[in-house]
Amino acid sequence: MSTASKVTLLATTIGSLAIIWNVHSRQVEDRASLHQGIIKDIERQEKKKIENQYKLVQQQELAKLYKKAEKRDAEQ
């Protein structure tokens, strides 16, 4: 095997390993990014759930006040 072929083999091996490492690194980063997206979605859903519960309580209180006002008006 000549020196030129050995150098070519070494260069292509190093290049291939570099490409494989780069692709693997990007896949790991993409998975982490996707996982963060899921976590953010869950947090957003929980926040919206709490906000909706708060609005429901407010609506229930307003409904009670409205019924009291109707009852008061009916008695007059």
N, C-alpha and C. Protein backbone atom coordinates (compact mmCIF):
# COMPACT_ATOMS: atom_id res chain seq x y z
N MET A 1 0.86 -1.17 0.00
CA MET A 1 0.00 0.00 0.00
C MET A 1 0.90 1.23 0.00
N SER A 2 0.61 2.13 -0.89
CA SER A 2 1.46 3.31 -1.03
C SER A 2 1.13 4.35 0.05
N THR A 3 2.02 5.29 0.21
CA THR A 3 1.84 6.35 1.20
C THR A 3 0.62 7.20 0.85
N ALA A 4 0.41 7.49 -0.41
CA ALA A 4 -0.74 8.31 -0.83
C ALA A 4 -2.05 7.62 -0.49
N SER A 5 -2.13 6.32 -0.69
CA SER A 5 -3.37 5.60 -0.37
C SER A 5 -3.60 5.54 1.14
N LYS A 6 -2.52 5.41 1.91
CA LYS A 6 -2.64 5.42 3.36
C LYS A 6 -3.15 6.77 3.86
N VAL A 7 -2.63 7.85 3.31
CA VAL A 7 -3.06 9.20 3.68
C VAL A 7 -4.52 9.40 3.30
N THR A 8 -4.89 8.93 2.11
CA THR A 8 -6.28 9.06 1.66
C THR A 8 -7.21 8.27 2.58
N LEU A 9 -6.85 7.06 2.92
CA LEU A 9 -7.65 6.25 3.83
C LEU A 9 -7.79 6.92 5.18
N LEU A 10 -6.70 7.44 5.71
CA LEU A 10 -6.74 8.13 7.00
C LEU A 10 -7.63 9.37 6.94
N ALA A 11 -7.49 10.14 5.87
CA ALA A 11 -8.30 11.36 5.73
C ALA A 11 -9.78 11.03 5.62
N THR A 12 -10.13 10.03 4.82
CA THR A 12 -11.54 9.68 4.68
C THR A 12 -12.10 9.09 5.97
N THR A 13 -11.29 8.35 6.70
CA THR A 13 -11.73 7.80 7.99
C THR A 13 -12.00 8.91 8.99
N ILE A 14 -11.07 9.84 9.07
CA ILE A 14 -11.25 10.97 9.99
C ILE A 14 -12.47 11.81 9.58
N GLY A 15 -12.61 12.06 8.28
CA GLY A 15 -13.77 12.82 7.79
C GLY A 15 -15.08 12.12 8.11
N SER A 16 -15.12 10.81 7.91
CA SER A 16 -16.34 10.04 8.21
C SER A 16 -16.67 10.08 9.69
N LEU A 17 -15.67 9.90 10.52
CA LEU A 17 -15.90 9.95 11.96
C LEU A 17 -16.38 11.33 12.41
N ALA A 18 -15.82 12.38 11.80
CA ALA A 18 -16.25 13.74 12.13
C ALA A 18 -17.71 13.95 11.75
N ILE A 19 -18.10 13.46 10.58
CA ILE A 19 -19.49 13.61 10.14
C ILE A 19 -20.43 12.84 11.05
N ILE A 20 -20.07 11.61 11.39
CA ILE A 20 -20.91 10.80 12.29
C ILE A 20 -21.05 11.47 13.65
N TRP A 21 -19.95 11.98 14.19
CA TRP A 21 -20.00 12.66 15.48
C TRP A 21 -20.89 13.90 15.42
N ASN A 22 -20.78 14.66 14.33
CA ASN A 22 -21.58 15.88 14.16
C ASN A 22 -23.07 15.54 14.10
N VAL A 23 -23.43 14.53 13.33
CA VAL A 23 -24.84 14.14 13.21
C VAL A 23 -25.36 13.65 14.57
N HIS A 24 -24.58 12.86 15.26
CA HIS A 24 -24.99 12.38 16.57
C HIS A 24 -25.21 13.53 17.55
N SER A 25 -24.30 14.49 17.55
CA SER A 25 -24.43 15.65 18.44
C SER A 25 -25.70 16.44 18.14
N ARG A 26 -26.00 16.62 16.87
CA ARG A 26 -27.21 17.35 16.50
C ARG A 26 -28.46 16.60 16.93
N GLN A 27 -28.44 15.28 16.81
CA GLN A 27 -29.59 14.49 17.24
C GLN A 27 -29.82 14.63 18.74
N VAL A 28 -28.75 14.62 19.50
CA VAL A 28 -28.87 14.77 20.95
C VAL A 28 -29.45 16.16 21.27
N GLU A 29 -28.95 17.19 20.60
CA GLU A 29 -29.46 18.55 20.83
C GLU A 29 -30.93 18.65 20.42
N ASP A 30 -31.30 18.04 19.31
CA ASP A 30 -32.69 18.08 18.86
C ASP A 30 -33.62 17.38 19.85
N ARG A 31 -33.19 16.24 20.35
CA ARG A 31 -34.00 15.53 21.35
C ARG A 31 -34.18 16.37 22.61
N ALA A 32 -33.12 17.02 23.04
CA ALA A 32 -33.21 17.87 24.23
C ALA A 32 -34.16 19.04 23.97
N SER A 33 -34.08 19.61 22.80
CA SER A 33 -34.95 20.73 22.43
C SER A 33 -36.41 20.29 22.40
N LEU A 34 -36.67 19.13 21.82
CA LEU A 34 -38.03 18.62 21.78
C LEU A 34 -38.55 18.34 23.18
N HIS A 35 -37.70 17.82 24.04
CA HIS A 35 -38.11 17.54 25.41
C HIS A 35 -38.45 18.84 26.14
N GLN A 36 -37.67 19.88 25.92
CA GLN A 36 -37.96 21.18 26.53
C GLN A 36 -39.31 21.71 26.05
N GLY A 37 -39.62 21.47 24.78
CA GLY A 37 -40.91 21.89 24.24
C GLY A 37 -42.06 21.20 24.95
N ILE A 38 -41.90 19.92 25.24
CA ILE A 38 -42.93 19.17 25.95
C ILE A 38 -43.09 19.72 27.36
N ILE A 39 -41.98 19.99 28.02
CA ILE A 39 -42.04 20.53 29.38
C ILE A 39 -42.75 21.88 29.38
N LYS A 40 -42.44 22.73 28.42
CA LYS A 40 -43.09 24.04 28.34
C LYS A 40 -44.58 23.89 28.08
N ASP A 41 -44.97 22.93 27.23
CA ASP A 41 -46.39 22.70 26.96
C ASP A 41 -47.12 22.27 28.23
N ILE A 42 -46.51 21.39 29.00
CA ILE A 42 -47.14 20.93 30.24
C ILE A 42 -47.28 22.08 31.22
N GLU A 43 -46.25 22.91 31.33
CA GLU A 43 -46.32 24.07 32.23
C GLU A 43 -47.42 25.03 31.78
N ARG A 44 -47.51 25.25 30.47
CA ARG A 44 -48.54 26.15 29.94
C ARG A 44 -49.94 25.60 30.21
N GLN A 45 -50.12 24.30 30.05
CA GLN A 45 -51.41 23.68 30.32
C GLN A 45 -51.78 23.81 31.80
N GLU A 46 -50.82 23.60 32.68
CA GLU A 46 -51.08 23.72 34.11
C GLU A 46 -51.45 25.16 34.47
N LYS A 47 -50.74 26.11 33.89
CA LYS A 47 -51.03 27.52 34.14
C LYS A 47 -52.43 27.88 33.65
N LYS A 48 -52.79 27.38 32.48
CA LYS A 48 -54.12 27.64 31.93
C LYS A 48 -55.20 26.99 32.79
N LYS A 49 -54.91 25.80 33.30
CA LYS A 49 -55.87 25.10 34.17
C LYS A 49 -56.13 25.91 35.43
N ILE A 50 -55.07 26.42 36.04
CA ILE A 50 -55.21 27.23 37.25
C ILE A 50 -56.00 28.50 36.95
N GLU A 51 -55.68 29.12 35.81
CA GLU A 51 -56.39 30.35 35.42
C GLU A 51 -57.87 30.07 35.19
N ASN A 52 -58.17 28.94 34.54
CA ASN A 52 -59.57 28.58 34.29
C ASN A 52 -60.31 28.30 35.60
N GLN A 53 -59.64 27.66 36.55
CA GLN A 53 -60.27 27.40 37.84
C GLN A 53 -60.57 28.72 38.57
N TYR A 54 -59.64 29.65 38.48
CA TYR A 54 -59.84 30.96 39.10
C TYR A 54 -61.04 31.67 38.46
N LYS A 55 -61.13 31.61 37.14
CA LYS A 55 -62.26 32.24 36.45
C LYS A 55 -63.58 31.58 36.81
N LEU A 56 -63.56 30.26 36.98
CA LEU A 56 -64.77 29.54 37.37
C LEU A 56 -65.25 29.99 38.74
N VAL A 57 -64.33 30.14 39.67
CA VAL A 57 -64.69 30.60 41.02
C VAL A 57 -65.27 32.01 40.94
N GLN A 58 -64.67 32.86 40.14
CA GLN A 58 -65.19 34.22 39.98
C GLN A 58 -66.59 34.19 39.39
N GLN A 59 -66.82 33.35 38.39
CA GLN A 59 -68.14 33.24 37.77
C GLN A 59 -69.17 32.74 38.78
N GLN A 60 -68.78 31.78 39.61
CA GLN A 60 -69.69 31.26 40.62
C GLN A 60 -70.06 32.33 41.63
N GLU A 61 -69.10 33.14 42.04
CA GLU A 61 -69.37 34.23 42.98
C GLU A 61 -70.28 35.28 42.35
N LEU A 62 -70.04 35.59 41.09
CA LEU A 62 -70.90 36.54 40.40
C LEU A 62 -72.32 35.99 40.25
N ALA A 63 -72.43 34.71 40.00
CA ALA A 63 -73.76 34.09 39.89
C ALA A 63 -74.50 34.17 41.22
N LYS A 64 -73.79 33.96 42.33
CA LYS A 64 -74.42 34.07 43.66
C LYS A 64 -74.91 35.50 43.90
N LEU A 65 -74.06 36.47 43.56
CA LEU A 65 -74.45 37.88 43.74
C LEU A 65 -75.65 38.23 42.86
N TYR A 66 -75.67 37.71 41.65
CA TYR A 66 -76.77 37.97 40.73
C TYR A 66 -78.06 37.38 41.27
N LYS A 67 -78.00 36.15 41.81
CA LYS A 67 -79.19 35.51 42.37
C LYS A 67 -79.70 36.28 43.58
N LYS A 68 -78.77 36.77 44.42
CA LYS A 68 -79.17 37.56 45.58
C LYS A 68 -79.86 38.84 45.13
N ALA A 69 -79.30 39.48 44.10
CA ALA A 69 -79.89 40.71 43.58
C ALA A 69 -81.26 40.42 42.98
N GLU A 70 -81.41 39.34 42.27
CA GLU A 70 -82.72 38.99 41.70
C GLU A 70 -83.73 38.72 42.81
N LYS A 71 -83.29 38.01 43.82
CA LYS A 71 -84.18 37.68 44.94
C LYS A 71 -84.62 38.95 45.64
N ARG A 72 -83.67 39.87 45.85
CA ARG A 72 -83.96 41.14 46.49
C ARG A 72 -84.95 41.95 45.65
N ASP A 73 -84.75 41.98 44.35
CA ASP A 73 -85.65 42.73 43.46
C ASP A 73 -87.02 42.10 43.41
N ALA A 74 -87.11 40.78 43.50
CA ALA A 74 -88.39 40.09 43.47
C ALA A 74 -89.16 40.36 44.75
N GLU A 75 -88.47 40.54 45.86
CA GLU A 75 -89.14 40.81 47.13
C GLU A 75 -89.66 42.22 47.20
N GLN A 76 -89.11 43.12 46.44
CA GLN A 76 -89.52 44.54 46.49
C GLN A 76 -90.69 44.72 45.65
